[in-house]
């Protein structure tokens, strides 16, 4: 549910309603269905929207298909950024991947790490609909569900631009991990569901003052390369291995 609401937020749309298509085996316990809908309702009560309909069919496997409906005065596109726009993220990255790794391999988590916020980030992502009232008139963007690097690359390519990054929006709990590993999780971990936005510098300054936790991490350039410069070196960003199509 949160992932679908994040897709709306990525286009500057506030949630209106949700349809839920369920495919279930006949032996599915009714309690499982009730708890599923309670979880979806809890998410909607917090972030907006309501369940307005759906469908139910028999299936040998449990499947859930959600369609989210939203409304935006001006949809946010990936293709409208301009050279000199700065890149803004609405929050830290890498926490969801670290939370997943802790759940899979708890013995590999450093003892000084508090895994609770990392697990929370992975299991209960937050769609950033709260940032929508502060979007400027001219903004381009998407969410970072497939990774921060992927979002920056897609945004830059759709606008026929490159990007130079200097910021590292790494979750504080990742500071005690191996630096290379934490860097990789920050840019390629995925499932963070923050917004990655391109906007004029003055608008960006107003945005980061209005949206707690947001920060400027770079700018878009006419040079087509996508480069992160920090820690005394330069790295070329590439898209993650996962691609939808």
Protein backbone atom coordinates (compact mmCIF):
# COMPACT_ATOMS: atom_id res chain seq x y z
CA UNK A 1 0.00 0.00 0.00
CA UNK A 2 2.79 2.41 0.91
CA UNK A 3 4.60 1.62 -2.35
CA UNK A 4 1.51 2.54 -4.36
CA UNK A 5 1.03 5.78 -2.43
CA UNK A 6 4.70 6.56 -3.05
CA UNK A 7 4.07 6.23 -6.79
CA UNK A 8 1.37 8.88 -6.44
CA UNK A 9 3.65 11.18 -4.43
CA UNK A 10 6.36 10.78 -7.08
CA UNK A 11 4.00 12.43 -9.57
CA UNK A 12 2.88 15.13 -7.14
CA UNK A 13 -0.52 13.50 -6.62
CA UNK A 14 -2.42 13.29 -3.35
CA UNK A 15 -4.17 9.95 -2.73
CA UNK A 16 -7.91 9.71 -3.35
CA UNK A 17 -8.77 6.02 -3.42
CA UNK A 18 -7.45 2.49 -3.72
CA UNK A 19 -8.84 -0.59 -5.45
CA UNK A 20 -7.75 -4.02 -4.26
CA UNK A 21 -7.82 -7.16 -6.41
CA UNK A 22 -7.48 -10.38 -4.41
CA UNK A 23 -6.81 -13.86 -5.79
CA UNK A 24 -7.03 -16.45 -3.01
CA UNK A 25 -7.10 -20.21 -2.52
CA UNK A 26 -10.42 -21.43 -1.00
CA UNK A 27 -8.67 -22.54 2.22
CA UNK A 28 -7.37 -19.03 2.99
CA UNK A 29 -8.26 -18.20 6.63
CA UNK A 30 -10.69 -15.31 6.98
CA UNK A 31 -8.44 -13.86 9.70
CA UNK A 32 -5.63 -13.51 7.12
CA UNK A 33 -7.94 -11.45 4.90
CA UNK A 34 -9.12 -9.29 7.81
CA UNK A 35 -5.55 -8.58 8.92
CA UNK A 36 -4.53 -7.74 5.35
CA UNK A 37 -7.28 -5.15 5.05
CA UNK A 38 -6.59 -3.81 8.52
CA UNK A 39 -2.98 -3.19 7.53
CA UNK A 40 -4.07 -1.41 4.36
CA UNK A 41 -6.59 0.69 6.28
CA UNK A 42 -3.96 1.64 8.87
CA UNK A 43 -1.72 2.92 6.07
CA UNK A 44 -4.53 4.89 4.41
CA UNK A 45 -5.69 6.39 7.70
CA UNK A 46 -2.19 7.76 8.17
CA UNK A 47 -1.38 8.97 4.66
CA UNK A 48 -4.73 9.58 2.98
CA UNK A 49 -7.21 7.85 0.69
CA UNK A 50 -9.71 5.06 1.17
CA UNK A 51 -10.47 1.64 -0.29
CA UNK A 52 -13.16 2.27 -2.94
CA UNK A 53 -13.55 -1.16 -4.52
CA UNK A 54 -11.83 -4.13 -6.05
CA UNK A 55 -12.35 -7.76 -7.03
CA UNK A 56 -12.05 -11.25 -5.57
CA UNK A 57 -11.29 -14.45 -7.50
CA UNK A 58 -10.30 -18.06 -6.76
CA UNK A 59 -6.62 -18.90 -7.34
CA UNK A 60 -4.12 -21.61 -6.37
CA UNK A 61 -1.84 -18.80 -5.11
CA UNK A 62 -2.44 -15.73 -2.96
CA UNK A 63 -2.06 -12.60 -5.05
CA UNK A 64 -2.79 -8.95 -4.22
CA UNK A 65 -3.06 -6.27 -6.90
CA UNK A 66 -3.50 -2.64 -5.87
CA UNK A 67 -4.37 0.36 -8.03
CA UNK A 68 -3.92 3.78 -6.45
CA UNK A 69 -5.89 6.81 -7.63
CA UNK A 70 -4.65 10.32 -6.97
CA UNK A 71 -5.06 13.92 -8.04
CA UNK A 72 -2.46 16.54 -8.93
CA UNK A 73 -2.94 20.10 -10.14
CA UNK A 74 0.28 19.73 -12.14
CA UNK A 75 1.77 16.23 -12.51
CA UNK A 76 5.47 15.95 -11.68
CA UNK A 77 7.38 14.47 -14.63
CA UNK A 78 10.91 13.15 -14.99
CA UNK A 79 11.55 14.98 -18.25
CA UNK A 80 11.28 18.65 -17.29
CA UNK A 81 14.53 19.27 -15.40
CA UNK A 82 16.93 21.93 -16.67
CA UNK A 83 20.71 22.40 -16.47
CA UNK A 84 21.60 24.08 -13.18
CA UNK A 85 18.67 22.56 -11.30
CA UNK A 86 19.77 21.02 -8.02
CA UNK A 87 18.90 17.52 -6.84
CA UNK A 88 17.00 17.20 -3.57
CA UNK A 89 16.09 14.07 -1.63
CA UNK A 90 13.44 14.01 1.06
CA UNK A 91 15.41 11.80 3.43
CA UNK A 92 18.12 9.27 4.19
CA UNK A 93 18.85 6.22 2.07
CA UNK A 94 20.23 2.77 2.78
CA UNK A 95 18.16 2.04 5.89
CA UNK A 96 15.74 -0.34 4.19
CA UNK A 97 18.53 -2.45 2.71
CA UNK A 98 20.32 -2.53 6.07
CA UNK A 99 17.08 -3.60 7.76
CA UNK A 100 16.59 -6.42 5.27
CA UNK A 101 20.18 -7.59 5.74
CA UNK A 102 19.70 -7.61 9.52
CA UNK A 103 16.56 -9.74 9.19
CA UNK A 104 18.36 -12.18 6.88
CA UNK A 105 21.76 -12.18 8.62
CA UNK A 106 21.45 -10.74 12.15
CA UNK A 107 24.86 -12.14 13.10
CA UNK A 108 26.52 -9.82 10.56
CA UNK A 109 25.04 -6.61 11.98
CA UNK A 110 27.62 -4.59 13.99
CA UNK A 111 26.89 -4.79 17.70
CA UNK A 112 26.87 -0.99 18.01
CA UNK A 113 23.98 -0.68 15.54
CA UNK A 114 20.39 -0.25 16.70
CA UNK A 115 18.52 -2.41 14.17
CA UNK A 116 15.05 -1.17 15.18
CA UNK A 117 14.91 1.92 12.90
CA UNK A 118 16.44 -0.09 10.04
CA UNK A 119 13.83 -2.84 10.33
CA UNK A 120 11.12 -0.19 10.62
CA UNK A 121 12.34 1.45 7.41
CA UNK A 122 12.20 -1.87 5.57
CA UNK A 123 8.88 -3.19 6.86
CA UNK A 124 6.94 0.07 7.12
CA UNK A 125 8.07 2.46 4.34
CA UNK A 126 6.72 6.00 4.44
CA UNK A 127 5.28 7.47 1.22
CA UNK A 128 6.35 11.11 1.16
CA UNK A 129 2.94 12.66 0.53
CA UNK A 130 3.81 15.11 3.33
CA UNK A 131 6.26 16.87 1.00
CA UNK A 132 3.68 17.63 -1.70
CA UNK A 133 2.47 21.00 -0.32
CA UNK A 134 6.04 22.34 -0.54
CA UNK A 135 6.79 21.42 -4.16
CA UNK A 136 7.68 24.47 -6.26
CA UNK A 137 5.87 25.37 -9.47
CA UNK A 138 8.70 23.94 -11.57
CA UNK A 139 9.91 20.57 -10.36
CA UNK A 140 10.89 17.24 -11.88
CA UNK A 141 11.21 14.00 -9.97
CA UNK A 142 10.40 10.42 -9.05
CA UNK A 143 10.74 8.17 -6.02
CA UNK A 144 13.76 6.07 -5.09
CA UNK A 145 12.05 2.70 -4.67
CA UNK A 146 14.51 1.11 -7.12
CA UNK A 147 17.52 2.85 -5.57
CA UNK A 148 18.88 6.38 -5.34
CA UNK A 149 21.36 5.90 -8.19
CA UNK A 150 18.63 4.54 -10.46
CA UNK A 151 16.36 7.51 -9.69
CA UNK A 152 19.08 10.08 -10.40
CA UNK A 153 20.02 8.34 -13.66
CA UNK A 154 16.43 8.02 -14.87
CA UNK A 155 15.67 11.62 -13.98
CA UNK A 156 18.78 12.92 -15.75
CA UNK A 157 18.31 10.78 -18.85
CA UNK A 158 14.64 11.65 -19.23
CA UNK A 159 15.65 15.33 -19.22
CA UNK A 160 18.64 14.67 -21.56
CA UNK A 161 21.09 15.82 -18.89
CA UNK A 162 23.86 14.53 -16.66
CA UNK A 163 24.38 14.93 -12.94
CA UNK A 164 27.16 15.74 -10.52
CA UNK A 165 26.54 14.61 -6.94
CA UNK A 166 28.45 15.59 -3.84
CA UNK A 167 26.01 14.72 -1.08
CA UNK A 168 25.69 11.33 0.60
CA UNK A 169 22.23 10.98 2.22
CA UNK A 170 23.29 7.93 4.22
CA UNK A 171 21.28 6.89 7.27
CA UNK A 172 23.29 7.62 10.47
CA UNK A 173 23.12 3.98 11.64
CA UNK A 174 25.16 3.01 8.57
CA UNK A 175 28.17 5.04 9.71
CA UNK A 176 29.58 2.08 11.65
CA UNK A 177 29.35 -0.32 8.71
CA UNK A 178 32.16 -0.81 6.21
CA UNK A 179 32.30 2.47 4.26
CA UNK A 180 32.15 0.86 0.81
CA UNK A 181 29.22 -1.34 1.84
CA UNK A 182 27.30 1.56 3.38
CA UNK A 183 27.92 3.68 0.27
CA UNK A 184 26.61 0.87 -1.93
CA UNK A 185 23.48 0.42 0.18
CA UNK A 186 22.85 4.17 0.09
CA UNK A 187 22.92 4.40 -3.68
CA UNK A 188 21.80 0.93 -4.72
CA UNK A 189 19.91 -0.58 -1.78
CA UNK A 190 16.42 0.39 -2.96
CA UNK A 191 13.08 0.28 -1.15
CA UNK A 192 13.68 3.65 0.56
CA UNK A 193 10.67 5.34 -1.08
CA UNK A 194 12.03 8.87 -0.72
CA UNK A 195 11.41 11.51 -3.40
CA UNK A 196 14.29 12.54 -5.65
CA UNK A 197 13.53 15.99 -7.05
CA UNK A 198 15.13 18.49 -9.43
CA UNK A 199 14.29 22.16 -8.98
CA UNK A 200 15.85 25.63 -9.24
CA UNK A 201 18.42 26.37 -6.48
CA UNK A 202 16.35 29.06 -4.75
CA UNK A 203 13.29 26.79 -4.67
CA UNK A 204 15.45 23.98 -3.31
CA UNK A 205 16.61 26.11 -0.39
CA UNK A 206 13.01 26.89 0.52
CA UNK A 207 12.05 23.23 0.17
CA UNK A 208 14.77 21.87 2.48
CA UNK A 209 13.85 24.49 5.10
CA UNK A 210 10.20 23.42 4.95
CA UNK A 211 10.65 19.63 4.79
CA UNK A 212 12.66 18.24 7.74
CA UNK A 213 15.29 15.69 6.78
CA UNK A 214 15.50 16.74 3.15
CA UNK A 215 18.82 17.82 1.67
CA UNK A 216 20.51 18.91 -1.54
CA UNK A 217 22.84 16.24 -2.95
CA UNK A 218 23.95 17.59 -6.34
CA UNK A 219 22.99 19.33 -9.54
CA UNK A 220 22.05 18.54 -13.12
CA UNK A 221 24.54 19.39 -15.85
CA UNK A 222 24.69 19.51 -19.62
CA UNK A 223 27.49 16.94 -19.52
CA UNK A 224 25.77 13.57 -19.84
CA UNK A 225 27.86 11.72 -17.23
CA UNK A 226 26.30 10.76 -13.87
CA UNK A 227 29.08 11.20 -11.32
CA UNK A 228 29.37 11.21 -7.53
CA UNK A 229 32.38 13.05 -6.11
CA UNK A 230 33.29 12.56 -2.47
CA UNK A 231 35.72 10.84 -0.13
CA UNK A 232 38.48 12.25 -2.31
CA UNK A 233 37.46 10.34 -5.42
CA UNK A 234 34.99 10.30 -8.30
CA UNK A 235 32.61 7.46 -9.11
CA UNK A 236 30.46 6.89 -12.16
CA UNK A 237 26.94 5.87 -11.15
CA UNK A 238 25.29 3.01 -13.01
CA UNK A 239 21.76 1.65 -12.94
CA UNK A 240 21.03 -1.25 -10.61
CA UNK A 241 20.82 -4.79 -11.89
CA UNK A 242 17.04 -4.83 -11.46
CA UNK A 243 15.08 -3.34 -14.35
CA UNK A 244 11.29 -3.54 -14.72
CA UNK A 245 11.47 -4.07 -18.49
